[in-house]
Structures are given as structure tokens and as C-alpha cells.
Amino acid sequence: MMCVFSFRSLLMLWNRKYQEFDLVVSSVTAKVKGVAQARLPGGGDVVWDVVDYSGPSQDKNSFFVMTNVIVTKNQKQGKCPEVPVNGRVCKTDGDCERGATDQQSHGIQTGSCVKFDVLKKTCEVAAWCPIETKTKPPRPALLEAAENFTVLIKNNIRFPAFNFIRRNILPEMNAAYLSSCQRGTDSLCPIFRLGDVVKEAGETFSDMAVEGGVIGILIKWDCDLDRLSRRCLPRYSFRRLDEKESNRTLYPGINFRFAKYNMVNGAEERTLYKAFGIRFDVMVFGQVIFIFKNIYIYIFLFSKKNSYNVSKMSIFEKYG
């Protein structure tokens, strides 16, 4: 006896028209751990923990790790010469406009032309003084040891059309596993050493740490629920997202400023930090292939008696 599929059913199977697709909905959290010691110019050795080196994330799916810093200590509210790079070089008070300011200035001009150094005069400003004068970050980076920091990434995904939920921390991953797993020997380990992430992106951490930059952590979910094994696992890859060449971009790297305030002899002072670092953007991609829950295939049975019998076979697969 010979079985012949109906042409319509065969065409449907051949073209996989019985499948449905859905795109991923995702949430991400990241937890950075690590401690480093750095010697600040004029400040001695300072221990930095996660509170010190974790800056603003700037996005719900990103985190920032400080790798370098310029420190300006003992700033007070007062009057001082503007730095020539940002301020107006002058010869007399007539060259300075009282109350004037611009986007590059550190303060508001007082109208006086004062000595900046033995060679230059600049317009005096009311500002936090002394003004930050260094423009280039230290090399090597002060927090180059951040390459040994680790980050735990927790990624929850959902395919709404099928109510299919999965996370990158699998059920069998217990506390003992997470405390010892390494990406070098286990591609599913959700804990990453930052130096390894940058290396897999094709960069050198010590170079990138000087001015900072942006690294993408890509998590790809391609889930084929047609398979009886229901295999649906994340794949991680890394790449640099910003332009690193100074001659191709006006402001290479990434940085921001913050200050720590204290009272000295009844007057407020602050220490200004210009922090350089690496922002890690976690980007999740994925789609699911899902078989229809009921597929009816008509099978025609051909007998030697030239008679046709028709049977209907229901294939029911339940995936959750």
C-alpha cells in the first residue's frame, strides 16, 4: 500500500506555512562587582568600589564603569582667570564684557582682564575656582584595573503571541554555578569579565580605558519551537559602537563630570571629577518559530483494488 500526501498539504509542509513567528520582548538588569586602588595626583592612594566607579547608566539597558579621571581639588566660589582655551585672551579690561558668558565658559565675566600665567592674560570670571585646566586624561588610565571587574547580566524575554517565557539564567544555574562559571569554558555563563568583553569586541582595554567608549553586548535569541527539544538559548557577542579614531570624531570617547562637596572653615568647597569610562549597552534580539497547535494532514491510501480510502491525521503538539 502506498501513501500519498495531498498536494495542498505537501505544499504547506514544504513551504513551512504551518509556522508562526513572533518577536522578542525583553528586560535587562546588570550588576557590576569589583574593587580597585588608584593613586590620584596630589591625593594619594584611593580605593574605588562600585559606588565610586559606577556612573549614570544613561539608558535602562546600559551601565557605565569609570576607567579614568581628572581631579580638580579645593574649588570654592570666587573670582579667577578663565583658562585660555575656553576664555577670551585679553590685554586690557576693555577687552572683557561684564556679565558675558557662553557655552564654553566656566563662569561669568567680571569685566576685568587678569594674569593667567607669565605669558597670557584672560578675562576674569566668577566661578568655582580654581578652574579645571587639564584637558587630556592621564595615560595609562588611573582605573585600568577595572578590566578585572565582572558584571552579572540578567535577561528575561517573552514572546507574547505564544506566552513563551525564558531567562538567560537557566533553572539549573544555582549559586555555586554562578560563583565559578567562566565564559571561556561555558558560553552560557551570564557573568562576564569586563576585560574579556572588550577583548571579544576587538579592542584593548588599556587603550580604551584612557578616553572611554561604548561597547555593545548583544544577546541573540533564535528559538525554534518546532523542535521537540524546544531549544531556546542565548548567544552572546560584543562589538564597539562608537568611533574611536580621534581624527574622525571631534570628541572621542565618553566622559561626564561630578563633584563631592564638603565644608571647610564654614565655606563650601568641592572636588571636581571629570570621569572617563566605558558604557556598556545591552541589546537583545530574537524571534521565535512556532508550529500551529493543530495541523490536519489528509493522507490518501491507494490500494491495489483502485479504491481510495481517506483518513485524517491530527498532529497536535503542545509547546509552552
C-alpha atoms as a PDB file:
ATOM      1  CA  MET A   1       0.000   0.000   0.000  1.00  0.00           C
ATOM      2  CA  MET A   2       1.380   3.400  -0.919  1.00  0.00           C
ATOM      3  CA  CYS A   3       0.698   6.637   0.978  1.00  0.00           C
ATOM      4  CA  VAL A   4       0.372   9.828  -0.968  1.00  0.00           C
ATOM      5  CA  PHE A   5       0.055  13.237   0.691  1.00  0.00           C
ATOM      6  CA  SER A   6      -2.448  15.613  -0.777  1.00  0.00           C
ATOM      7  CA  PHE A   7      -0.768  18.229  -2.926  1.00  0.00           C
ATOM      8  CA  ARG A   8      -2.083  21.051  -0.767  1.00  0.00           C
ATOM      9  CA  SER A   9      -0.749  19.567   2.454  1.00  0.00           C
ATOM     10  CA  LEU A  10       2.572  18.722   0.886  1.00  0.00           C
ATOM     11  CA  LEU A  11       2.981  22.261  -0.401  1.00  0.00           C
ATOM     12  CA  MET A  12       2.130  23.637   3.029  1.00  0.00           C
ATOM     13  CA  LEU A  13       4.794  21.492   4.690  1.00  0.00           C
ATOM     14  CA  TRP A  14       7.365  22.249   2.015  1.00  0.00           C
ATOM     15  CA  ASN A  15       6.968  25.998   2.444  1.00  0.00           C
ATOM     16  CA  ARG A  16       6.611  25.702   6.244  1.00  0.00           C
ATOM     17  CA  LYS A  17       3.380  27.679   6.092  1.00  0.00           C
ATOM     18  CA  TYR A  18       2.200  25.965   9.239  1.00  0.00           C
ATOM     19  CA  GLN A  19       4.639  28.063  11.285  1.00  0.00           C
ATOM     20  CA  GLU A  20       4.058  31.362  13.048  1.00  0.00           C
ATOM     21  CA  PHE A  21       6.650  33.937  14.076  1.00  0.00           C
ATOM     22  CA  ASP A  22       6.901  36.401  16.959  1.00  0.00           C
ATOM     23  CA  LEU A  23       9.471  38.998  18.042  1.00  0.00           C
ATOM     24  CA  VAL A  24      11.017  39.175  21.487  1.00  0.00           C
ATOM     25  CA  VAL A  25      10.012  41.474  24.367  1.00  0.00           C
ATOM     26  CA  SER A  26      12.910  41.859  26.777  1.00  0.00           C
ATOM     27  CA  SER A  27      14.074  43.332  30.094  1.00  0.00           C
ATOM     28  CA  VAL A  28      17.684  43.608  31.265  1.00  0.00           C
ATOM     29  CA  THR A  29      19.406  44.290  34.593  1.00  0.00           C
ATOM     30  CA  ALA A  30      23.147  44.369  35.265  1.00  0.00           C
ATOM     31  CA  LYS A  31      25.156  44.132  38.482  1.00  0.00           C
ATOM     32  CA  VAL A  32      28.833  45.147  38.460  1.00  0.00           C
ATOM     33  CA  LYS A  33      31.321  43.955  41.086  1.00  0.00           C
ATOM     34  CA  GLY A  34      34.955  44.822  41.729  1.00  0.00           C
ATOM     35  CA  VAL A  35      37.351  46.951  43.774  1.00  0.00           C
ATOM     36  CA  ALA A  36      40.385  48.875  42.519  1.00  0.00           C
ATOM     37  CA  GLN A  37      43.054  51.122  44.010  1.00  0.00           C
ATOM     38  CA  ALA A  38      44.230  54.204  42.156  1.00  0.00           C
ATOM     39  CA  ARG A  39      46.774  56.880  43.017  1.00  0.00           C
ATOM     40  CA  LEU A  40      45.280  60.292  42.324  1.00  0.00           C
ATOM     41  CA  PRO A  41      47.651  63.202  41.599  1.00  0.00           C
ATOM     42  CA  GLY A  42      48.100  65.043  44.890  1.00  0.00           C
ATOM     43  CA  GLY A  43      45.599  62.776  46.615  1.00  0.00           C
ATOM     44  CA  GLY A  44      47.472  59.575  47.409  1.00  0.00           C
ATOM     45  CA  ASP A  45      46.052  56.077  47.065  1.00  0.00           C
ATOM     46  CA  VAL A  46      42.270  55.836  46.899  1.00  0.00           C
ATOM     47  CA  VAL A  47      40.207  52.636  46.931  1.00  0.00           C
ATOM     48  CA  TRP A  48      37.307  52.707  44.475  1.00  0.00           C
ATOM     49  CA  ASP A  49      34.313  50.427  44.886  1.00  0.00           C
ATOM     50  CA  VAL A  50      31.138  50.008  42.853  1.00  0.00           C
ATOM     51  CA  VAL A  51      29.576  53.164  44.346  1.00  0.00           C
ATOM     52  CA  ASP A  52      32.549  55.258  43.207  1.00  0.00           C
ATOM     53  CA  TYR A  53      33.111  53.973  39.683  1.00  0.00           C
ATOM     54  CA  SER A  54      29.519  53.313  38.548  1.00  0.00           C
ATOM     55  CA  GLY A  55      28.261  56.445  36.863  1.00  0.00           C
ATOM     56  CA  PRO A  56      24.825  57.225  35.456  1.00  0.00           C
ATOM     57  CA  SER A  57      23.565  54.447  33.182  1.00  0.00           C
ATOM     58  CA  GLN A  58      22.023  56.948  30.711  1.00  0.00           C
ATOM     59  CA  ASP A  59      19.675  54.210  29.493  1.00  0.00           C
ATOM     60  CA  LYS A  60      17.622  51.446  31.088  1.00  0.00           C
ATOM     61  CA  ASN A  61      19.620  48.747  29.277  1.00  0.00           C
ATOM     62  CA  SER A  62      23.125  50.114  29.877  1.00  0.00           C
ATOM     63  CA  PHE A  63      25.688  50.549  32.620  1.00  0.00           C
ATOM     64  CA  PHE A  64      28.777  52.745  32.966  1.00  0.00           C
ATOM     65  CA  VAL A  65      32.149  51.899  34.525  1.00  0.00           C
ATOM     66  CA  MET A  66      34.658  54.691  35.199  1.00  0.00           C
ATOM     67  CA  THR A  67      38.188  53.906  33.993  1.00  0.00           C
ATOM     68  CA  ASN A  68      39.999  57.261  34.184  1.00  0.00           C
ATOM     69  CA  VAL A  69      39.594  60.620  35.891  1.00  0.00           C
ATOM     70  CA  ILE A  70      40.865  64.206  36.020  1.00  0.00           C
ATOM     71  CA  VAL A  71      40.592  65.678  39.528  1.00  0.00           C
ATOM     72  CA  THR A  72      40.405  69.386  40.405  1.00  0.00           C
ATOM     73  CA  LYS A  73      40.576  69.821  44.186  1.00  0.00           C
ATOM     74  CA  ASN A  74      39.563  72.557  46.623  1.00  0.00           C
ATOM     75  CA  GLN A  75      37.264  74.560  44.375  1.00  0.00           C
ATOM     76  CA  LYS A  76      35.434  77.481  46.010  1.00  0.00           C
ATOM     77  CA  GLN A  77      33.000  80.103  44.781  1.00  0.00           C
ATOM     78  CA  GLY A  78      35.086  83.141  43.809  1.00  0.00           C
ATOM     79  CA  LYS A  79      36.808  85.035  41.003  1.00  0.00           C
ATOM     80  CA  CYS A  80      39.677  83.720  38.907  1.00  0.00           C
ATOM     81  CA  PRO A  81      41.126  83.901  35.368  1.00  0.00           C
ATOM     82  CA  GLU A  82      39.356  81.790  32.770  1.00  0.00           C
ATOM     83  CA  VAL A  83      41.539  79.203  31.024  1.00  0.00           C
ATOM     84  CA  PRO A  84      42.670  80.448  27.579  1.00  0.00           C
ATOM     85  CA  VAL A  85      41.189  77.501  25.710  1.00  0.00           C
ATOM     86  CA  ASN A  86      37.687  78.414  26.912  1.00  0.00           C
ATOM     87  CA  GLY A  87      38.013  82.100  27.783  1.00  0.00           C
ATOM     88  CA  ARG A  88      38.907  85.289  25.990  1.00  0.00           C
ATOM     89  CA  VAL A  89      42.572  86.272  25.849  1.00  0.00           C
ATOM     90  CA  CYS A  90      42.817  89.983  26.686  1.00  0.00           C
ATOM     91  CA  LYS A  91      45.237  92.894  27.091  1.00  0.00           C
ATOM     92  CA  THR A  92      43.060  95.409  28.948  1.00  0.00           C
ATOM     93  CA  ASP A  93      39.747  95.480  30.824  1.00  0.00           C
ATOM     94  CA  GLY A  94      38.192  96.902  27.682  1.00  0.00           C
ATOM     95  CA  ASP A  95      38.573  93.510  26.042  1.00  0.00           C
ATOM     96  CA  CYS A  96      36.280  91.902  28.649  1.00  0.00           C
ATOM     97  CA  GLU A  97      32.499  92.309  28.847  1.00  0.00           C
ATOM     98  CA  ARG A  98      30.970  92.316  32.311  1.00  0.00           C
ATOM     99  CA  GLY A  99      28.214  89.677  32.646  1.00  0.00           C
ATOM    100  CA  ALA A 100      29.142  87.920  29.403  1.00  0.00           C
ATOM    101  CA  THR A 101      29.221  84.134  29.159  1.00  0.00           C
ATOM    102  CA  ASP A 102      29.000  81.408  26.526  1.00  0.00           C
ATOM    103  CA  GLN A 103      28.642  77.649  26.241  1.00  0.00           C
ATOM    104  CA  GLN A 104      32.396  77.064  26.628  1.00  0.00           C
ATOM    105  CA  SER A 105      32.949  79.345  29.613  1.00  0.00           C
ATOM    106  CA  HIS A 106      33.349  78.092  33.188  1.00  0.00           C
ATOM    107  CA  GLY A 107      31.790  81.234  34.657  1.00  0.00           C
ATOM    108  CA  ILE A 108      30.521  84.777  34.123  1.00  0.00           C
ATOM    109  CA  GLN A 109      32.927  87.560  33.130  1.00  0.00           C
ATOM    110  CA  THR A 110      33.538  90.286  35.725  1.00  0.00           C
ATOM    111  CA  GLY A 111      34.855  92.824  33.202  1.00  0.00           C
ATOM    112  CA  SER A 112      38.468  92.606  34.427  1.00  0.00           C
ATOM    113  CA  CYS A 113      41.494  91.420  32.467  1.00  0.00           C
ATOM    114  CA  VAL A 114      43.791  89.466  34.790  1.00  0.00           C
ATOM    115  CA  LYS A 115      47.020  87.478  34.532  1.00  0.00           C
ATOM    116  CA  PHE A 116      46.563  83.779  33.781  1.00  0.00           C
ATOM    117  CA  ASP A 117      50.281  82.950  33.702  1.00  0.00           C
ATOM    118  CA  VAL A 118      53.525  84.757  32.920  1.00  0.00           C
ATOM    119  CA  LEU A 119      52.669  84.915  29.223  1.00  0.00           C
ATOM    120  CA  LYS A 120      48.894  85.341  28.983  1.00  0.00           C
ATOM    121  CA  LYS A 121      46.042  87.395  30.375  1.00  0.00           C
ATOM    122  CA  THR A 122      42.423  86.265  30.237  1.00  0.00           C
ATOM    123  CA  CYS A 123      39.083  87.721  31.236  1.00  0.00           C
ATOM    124  CA  GLU A 124      38.301  87.121  34.903  1.00  0.00           C
ATOM    125  CA  VAL A 125      35.169  85.090  35.696  1.00  0.00           C
ATOM    126  CA  ALA A 126      33.018  84.472  38.734  1.00  0.00           C
ATOM    127  CA  ALA A 127      33.050  80.686  39.019  1.00  0.00           C
ATOM    128  CA  TRP A 128      34.158  77.667  41.013  1.00  0.00           C
ATOM    129  CA  CYS A 129      37.874  78.440  41.410  1.00  0.00           C
ATOM    130  CA  PRO A 130      40.492  77.270  40.579  1.00  0.00           C
ATOM    131  CA  ILE A 131      39.079  76.293  37.199  1.00  0.00           C
ATOM    132  CA  GLU A 132      39.787  72.873  35.747  1.00  0.00           C
ATOM    133  CA  THR A 133      42.819  73.290  33.486  1.00  0.00           C
ATOM    134  CA  LYS A 134      43.759  69.782  32.354  1.00  0.00           C
ATOM    135  CA  THR A 135      42.175  68.717  29.092  1.00  0.00           C
ATOM    136  CA  LYS A 136      43.874  65.373  28.370  1.00  0.00           C
ATOM    137  CA  PRO A 137      43.193  62.354  30.585  1.00  0.00           C
ATOM    138  CA  PRO A 138      46.086  60.518  32.282  1.00  0.00           C
ATOM    139  CA  ARG A 139      47.843  57.778  30.341  1.00  0.00           C
ATOM    140  CA  PRO A 140      47.865  54.969  31.406  1.00  0.00           C
ATOM    141  CA  ALA A 141      44.339  55.182  32.796  1.00  0.00           C
ATOM    142  CA  LEU A 142      44.135  55.520  36.584  1.00  0.00           C
ATOM    143  CA  LEU A 143      41.484  52.795  36.865  1.00  0.00           C
ATOM    144  CA  GLU A 144      42.923  50.407  34.310  1.00  0.00           C
ATOM    145  CA  ALA A 145      42.342  47.635  36.887  1.00  0.00           C
ATOM    146  CA  ALA A 146      38.630  47.867  36.032  1.00  0.00           C
ATOM    147  CA  GLU A 147      39.302  45.244  33.362  1.00  0.00           C
ATOM    148  CA  ASN A 148      39.074  42.662  36.158  1.00  0.00           C
ATOM    149  CA  PHE A 149      35.626  43.830  37.272  1.00  0.00           C
ATOM    150  CA  THR A 150      32.755  41.472  36.500  1.00  0.00           C
ATOM    151  CA  VAL A 151      29.134  42.029  35.545  1.00  0.00           C
ATOM    152  CA  LEU A 152      26.168  39.722  36.020  1.00  0.00           C
ATOM    153  CA  ILE A 153      23.599  40.254  33.270  1.00  0.00           C
ATOM    154  CA  LYS A 154      20.039  39.119  33.880  1.00  0.00           C
ATOM    155  CA  ASN A 155      17.875  38.979  30.777  1.00  0.00           C
ATOM    156  CA  ASN A 156      14.208  37.995  30.801  1.00  0.00           C
ATOM    157  CA  ILE A 157      12.471  37.512  27.463  1.00  0.00           C
ATOM    158  CA  ARG A 158       8.909  36.857  26.397  1.00  0.00           C
ATOM    159  CA  PHE A 159       7.222  36.049  23.115  1.00  0.00           C
ATOM    160  CA  PRO A 160       3.733  37.448  23.767  1.00  0.00           C
ATOM    161  CA  ALA A 161       1.936  35.691  20.914  1.00  0.00           C
ATOM    162  CA  PHE A 162       2.728  32.313  22.439  1.00  0.00           C
ATOM    163  CA  ASN A 163       3.126  33.287  26.111  1.00  0.00           C
ATOM    164  CA  PHE A 164       6.602  31.763  25.994  1.00  0.00           C
ATOM    165  CA  ILE A 165       8.954  33.000  28.731  1.00  0.00           C
ATOM    166  CA  ARG A 166      12.649  32.335  29.173  1.00  0.00           C
ATOM    167  CA  ARG A 167      15.619  33.864  31.032  1.00  0.00           C
ATOM    168  CA  ASN A 168      19.347  33.641  30.442  1.00  0.00           C
ATOM    169  CA  ILE A 169      19.897  32.335  33.988  1.00  0.00           C
ATOM    170  CA  LEU A 170      18.652  28.812  33.414  1.00  0.00           C
ATOM    171  CA  PRO A 171      16.876  26.766  36.118  1.00  0.00           C
ATOM    172  CA  GLU A 172      19.917  24.548  36.671  1.00  0.00           C
ATOM    173  CA  MET A 173      22.211  27.559  37.302  1.00  0.00           C
ATOM    174  CA  ASN A 174      22.436  27.704  41.101  1.00  0.00           C
ATOM    175  CA  ALA A 175      24.570  29.916  43.364  1.00  0.00           C
ATOM    176  CA  ALA A 176      27.504  27.507  43.238  1.00  0.00           C
ATOM    177  CA  TYR A 177      27.454  27.547  39.434  1.00  0.00           C
ATOM    178  CA  LEU A 178      27.294  31.344  39.231  1.00  0.00           C
ATOM    179  CA  SER A 179      30.203  31.737  41.651  1.00  0.00           C
ATOM    180  CA  SER A 180      32.536  29.686  39.470  1.00  0.00           C
ATOM    181  CA  CYS A 181      31.373  29.742  35.830  1.00  0.00           C
ATOM    182  CA  GLN A 182      33.598  31.401  33.239  1.00  0.00           C
ATOM    183  CA  ARG A 183      32.722  32.414  29.707  1.00  0.00           C
ATOM    184  CA  GLY A 184      35.962  30.916  28.375  1.00  0.00           C
ATOM    185  CA  THR A 185      34.747  27.402  29.184  1.00  0.00           C
ATOM    186  CA  ASP A 186      30.975  27.937  29.312  1.00  0.00           C
ATOM    187  CA  SER A 187      29.296  30.035  26.625  1.00  0.00           C
ATOM    188  CA  LEU A 188      26.060  30.243  28.657  1.00  0.00           C
ATOM    189  CA  CYS A 189      27.688  31.792  31.752  1.00  0.00           C
ATOM    190  CA  PRO A 190      25.864  35.115  32.438  1.00  0.00           C
ATOM    191  CA  ILE A 191      28.845  36.620  34.316  1.00  0.00           C
ATOM    192  CA  PHE A 192      31.405  38.481  32.214  1.00  0.00           C
ATOM    193  CA  ARG A 193      34.845  39.896  32.987  1.00  0.00           C
ATOM    194  CA  LEU A 194      34.933  43.405  31.502  1.00  0.00           C
ATOM    195  CA  GLY A 195      38.401  42.903  30.037  1.00  0.00           C
ATOM    196  CA  ASP A 196      37.161  39.830  28.178  1.00  0.00           C
ATOM    197  CA  VAL A 197      34.112  41.692  26.855  1.00  0.00           C
ATOM    198  CA  VAL A 198      36.306  44.455  25.422  1.00  0.00           C
ATOM    199  CA  LYS A 199      38.760  41.907  24.003  1.00  0.00           C
ATOM    200  CA  GLU A 200      35.986  39.963  22.242  1.00  0.00           C
ATOM    201  CA  ALA A 201      34.855  43.275  20.751  1.00  0.00           C
ATOM    202  CA  GLY A 202      38.279  43.531  19.110  1.00  0.00           C
ATOM    203  CA  GLU A 203      39.620  46.260  21.398  1.00  0.00           C
ATOM    204  CA  THR A 204      42.389  46.617  24.000  1.00  0.00           C
ATOM    205  CA  PHE A 205      41.089  47.536  27.444  1.00  0.00           C
ATOM    206  CA  SER A 206      44.158  49.594  28.442  1.00  0.00           C
ATOM    207  CA  ASP A 207      43.774  51.778  25.327  1.00  0.00           C
ATOM    208  CA  MET A 208      40.015  52.144  25.573  1.00  0.00           C
ATOM    209  CA  ALA A 209      40.189  52.963  29.289  1.00  0.00           C
ATOM    210  CA  VAL A 210      42.047  56.253  28.680  1.00  0.00           C
ATOM    211  CA  GLU A 211      39.223  58.195  26.995  1.00  0.00           C
ATOM    212  CA  GLY A 212      36.409  55.672  27.280  1.00  0.00           C
ATOM    213  CA  GLY A 213      33.944  54.481  24.688  1.00  0.00           C
ATOM    214  CA  VAL A 214      30.812  52.429  24.079  1.00  0.00           C
ATOM    215  CA  ILE A 215      30.660  48.634  23.885  1.00  0.00           C
ATOM    216  CA  GLY A 216      27.586  46.721  22.743  1.00  0.00           C
ATOM    217  CA  ILE A 217      26.699  43.455  24.475  1.00  0.00           C
ATOM    218  CA  LEU A 218      24.441  41.634  22.018  1.00  0.00           C
ATOM    219  CA  ILE A 219      22.173  38.849  23.229  1.00  0.00           C
ATOM    220  CA  LYS A 220      20.539  36.907  20.412  1.00  0.00           C
ATOM    221  CA  TRP A 221      17.635  34.534  20.961  1.00  0.00           C
ATOM    222  CA  ASP A 222      16.598  32.405  17.979  1.00  0.00           C
ATOM    223  CA  CYS A 223      14.039  29.976  19.335  1.00  0.00           C
ATOM    224  CA  ASP A 224      12.686  27.241  17.090  1.00  0.00           C
ATOM    225  CA  LEU A 225       9.807  25.644  18.958  1.00  0.00           C
ATOM    226  CA  ASP A 226       9.187  23.257  16.066  1.00  0.00           C
ATOM    227  CA  ARG A 227      11.980  21.191  17.538  1.00  0.00           C
ATOM    228  CA  LEU A 228      10.928  18.608  20.078  1.00  0.00           C
ATOM    229  CA  SER A 229      13.872  19.635  22.256  1.00  0.00           C
ATOM    230  CA  ARG A 230      12.450  23.179  22.470  1.00  0.00           C
ATOM    231  CA  ARG A 231      15.977  24.530  22.364  1.00  0.00           C
ATOM    232  CA  CYS A 232      15.925  28.237  23.155  1.00  0.00           C
ATOM    233  CA  LEU A 233      19.236  29.559  24.478  1.00  0.00           C
ATOM    234  CA  PRO A 234      21.007  32.945  24.322  1.00  0.00           C
ATOM    235  CA  ARG A 235      24.095  33.645  22.241  1.00  0.00           C
ATOM    236  CA  TYR A 236      26.378  36.491  23.313  1.00  0.00           C
ATOM    237  CA  SER A 237      28.568  38.663  21.107  1.00  0.00           C
ATOM    238  CA  PHE A 238      30.321  42.005  21.571  1.00  0.00           C
ATOM    239  CA  ARG A 239      31.301  44.974  19.425  1.00  0.00           C
ATOM    240  CA  ARG A 240      32.431  48.562  19.785  1.00  0.00           C
ATOM    241  CA  LEU A 241      29.696  51.048  18.913  1.00  0.00           C
ATOM    242  CA  ASP A 242      31.413  54.461  18.974  1.00  0.00           C
ATOM    243  CA  GLU A 243      34.030  55.905  16.631  1.00  0.00           C
ATOM    244  CA  LYS A 244      37.416  55.515  18.316  1.00  0.00           C
ATOM    245  CA  GLU A 245      39.680  57.411  15.909  1.00  0.00           C
ATOM    246  CA  SER A 246      40.377  60.962  17.145  1.00  0.00           C
ATOM    247  CA  ASN A 247      40.866  62.251  13.601  1.00  0.00           C
ATOM    248  CA  ARG A 248      37.381  61.072  12.618  1.00  0.00           C
ATOM    249  CA  THR A 249      35.393  62.471  15.509  1.00  0.00           C
ATOM    250  CA  LEU A 250      35.531  65.805  17.324  1.00  0.00           C
ATOM    251  CA  TYR A 251      35.081  64.395  20.822  1.00  0.00           C
ATOM    252  CA  PRO A 252      36.320  60.785  21.041  1.00  0.00           C
ATOM    253  CA  GLY A 253      35.439  58.593  23.999  1.00  0.00           C
ATOM    254  CA  ILE A 254      32.842  59.261  26.664  1.00  0.00           C
ATOM    255  CA  ASN A 255      33.033  61.353  29.849  1.00  0.00           C
ATOM    256  CA  PHE A 256      30.966  63.245  32.383  1.00  0.00           C
ATOM    257  CA  ARG A 257      31.607  65.407  35.451  1.00  0.00           C
ATOM    258  CA  PHE A 258      30.515  65.088  39.056  1.00  0.00           C
ATOM    259  CA  ALA A 259      31.565  66.719  42.329  1.00  0.00           C
ATOM    260  CA  LYS A 260      31.916  65.864  46.010  1.00  0.00           C
ATOM    261  CA  TYR A 261      31.154  68.720  48.409  1.00  0.00           C
ATOM    262  CA  ASN A 262      32.335  69.469  51.925  1.00  0.00           C
ATOM    263  CA  MET A 263      32.545  72.382  54.369  1.00  0.00           C
ATOM    264  CA  VAL A 264      35.958  73.872  55.252  1.00  0.00           C
ATOM    265  CA  ASN A 265      36.079  76.648  57.869  1.00  0.00           C
ATOM    266  CA  GLY A 266      32.424  77.404  57.264  1.00  0.00           C
ATOM    267  CA  ALA A 267      32.842  77.720  53.482  1.00  0.00           C
ATOM    268  CA  GLU A 268      31.630  75.213  50.934  1.00  0.00           C
ATOM    269  CA  GLU A 269      34.306  73.502  48.853  1.00  0.00           C
ATOM    270  CA  ARG A 270      34.120  70.809  46.252  1.00  0.00           C
ATOM    271  CA  THR A 271      36.369  68.341  44.453  1.00  0.00           C
ATOM    272  CA  LEU A 272      35.520  68.156  40.755  1.00  0.00           C
ATOM    273  CA  TYR A 273      35.914  64.877  38.877  1.00  0.00           C
ATOM    274  CA  LYS A 274      35.947  64.575  35.107  1.00  0.00           C
ATOM    275  CA  ALA A 275      35.285  60.867  34.701  1.00  0.00           C
ATOM    276  CA  PHE A 276      36.116  58.858  31.589  1.00  0.00           C
ATOM    277  CA  GLY A 277      34.779  55.365  31.184  1.00  0.00           C
ATOM    278  CA  ILE A 278      33.146  52.652  29.155  1.00  0.00           C
ATOM    279  CA  ARG A 279      29.401  52.474  28.684  1.00  0.00           C
ATOM    280  CA  PHE A 280      28.068  49.008  28.015  1.00  0.00           C
ATOM    281  CA  ASP A 281      24.802  48.867  26.057  1.00  0.00           C
ATOM    282  CA  VAL A 282      22.950  45.556  26.330  1.00  0.00           C
ATOM    283  CA  MET A 283      20.907  44.914  23.177  1.00  0.00           C
ATOM    284  CA  VAL A 284      18.574  41.953  22.883  1.00  0.00           C
ATOM    285  CA  PHE A 285      17.420  40.492  19.567  1.00  0.00           C
ATOM    286  CA  GLY A 286      15.340  37.455  18.855  1.00  0.00           C
ATOM    287  CA  GLN A 287      12.464  35.721  17.170  1.00  0.00           C
ATOM    288  CA  VAL A 288      10.557  32.515  17.723  1.00  0.00           C
ATOM    289  CA  ILE A 289       9.277  29.966  15.209  1.00  0.00           C
ATOM    290  CA  PHE A 290       6.190  28.194  16.457  1.00  0.00           C
ATOM    291  CA  ILE A 291       4.184  25.326  14.966  1.00  0.00           C
ATOM    292  CA  PHE A 292       0.397  25.597  14.777  1.00  0.00           C
ATOM    293  CA  LYS A 293      -1.192  23.723  17.636  1.00  0.00           C
ATOM    294  CA  ASN A 294      -3.397  21.698  15.279  1.00  0.00           C
ATOM    295  CA  ILE A 295      -2.397  20.665  11.792  1.00  0.00           C
ATOM    296  CA  TYR A 296      -4.655  18.353   9.823  1.00  0.00           C
ATOM    297  CA  ILE A 297      -2.944  16.414   7.070  1.00  0.00           C
ATOM    298  CA  TYR A 298      -5.060  14.322   4.739  1.00  0.00           C
ATOM    299  CA  ILE A 299      -3.409  11.083   3.699  1.00  0.00           C
ATOM    300  CA  PHE A 300      -4.797   9.202   0.727  1.00  0.00           C
ATOM    301  CA  LEU A 301      -4.276   5.484   0.859  1.00  0.00           C
ATOM    302  CA  PHE A 302      -4.107   3.816  -2.524  1.00  0.00           C
ATOM    303  CA  SER A 303      -4.966   0.122  -2.695  1.00  0.00           C
ATOM    304  CA  LYS A 304      -4.485  -2.408  -5.397  1.00  0.00           C
ATOM    305  CA  LYS A 305      -8.247  -2.508  -5.888  1.00  0.00           C
ATOM    306  CA  ASN A 306      -8.125   1.036  -7.324  1.00  0.00           C
ATOM    307  CA  SER A 307     -10.257   2.237  -4.479  1.00  0.00           C
ATOM    308  CA  TYR A 308      -9.405   5.230  -2.314  1.00  0.00           C
ATOM    309  CA  ASN A 309      -9.679   5.421   1.411  1.00  0.00           C
ATOM    310  CA  VAL A 310      -9.206   8.714   3.171  1.00  0.00           C
ATOM    311  CA  SER A 311      -8.011   9.056   6.718  1.00  0.00           C
ATOM    312  CA  LYS A 312      -7.449  12.253   8.597  1.00  0.00           C
ATOM    313  CA  MET A 313      -4.445  12.524  10.905  1.00  0.00           C
ATOM    314  CA  SER A 314      -4.309  15.235  13.543  1.00  0.00           C
ATOM    315  CA  ILE A 315      -0.889  16.328  14.638  1.00  0.00           C
ATOM    316  CA  PHE A 316      -1.116  18.058  17.970  1.00  0.00           C
ATOM    317  CA  GLU A 317       1.954  19.497  19.542  1.00  0.00           C
ATOM    318  CA  LYS A 318       1.824  21.474  22.736  1.00  0.00           C
ATOM    319  CA  TYR A 319       4.649  23.829  23.408  1.00  0.00           C
ATOM    320  CA  GLY A 320       4.772  26.071  26.436  1.00  0.00           C
END
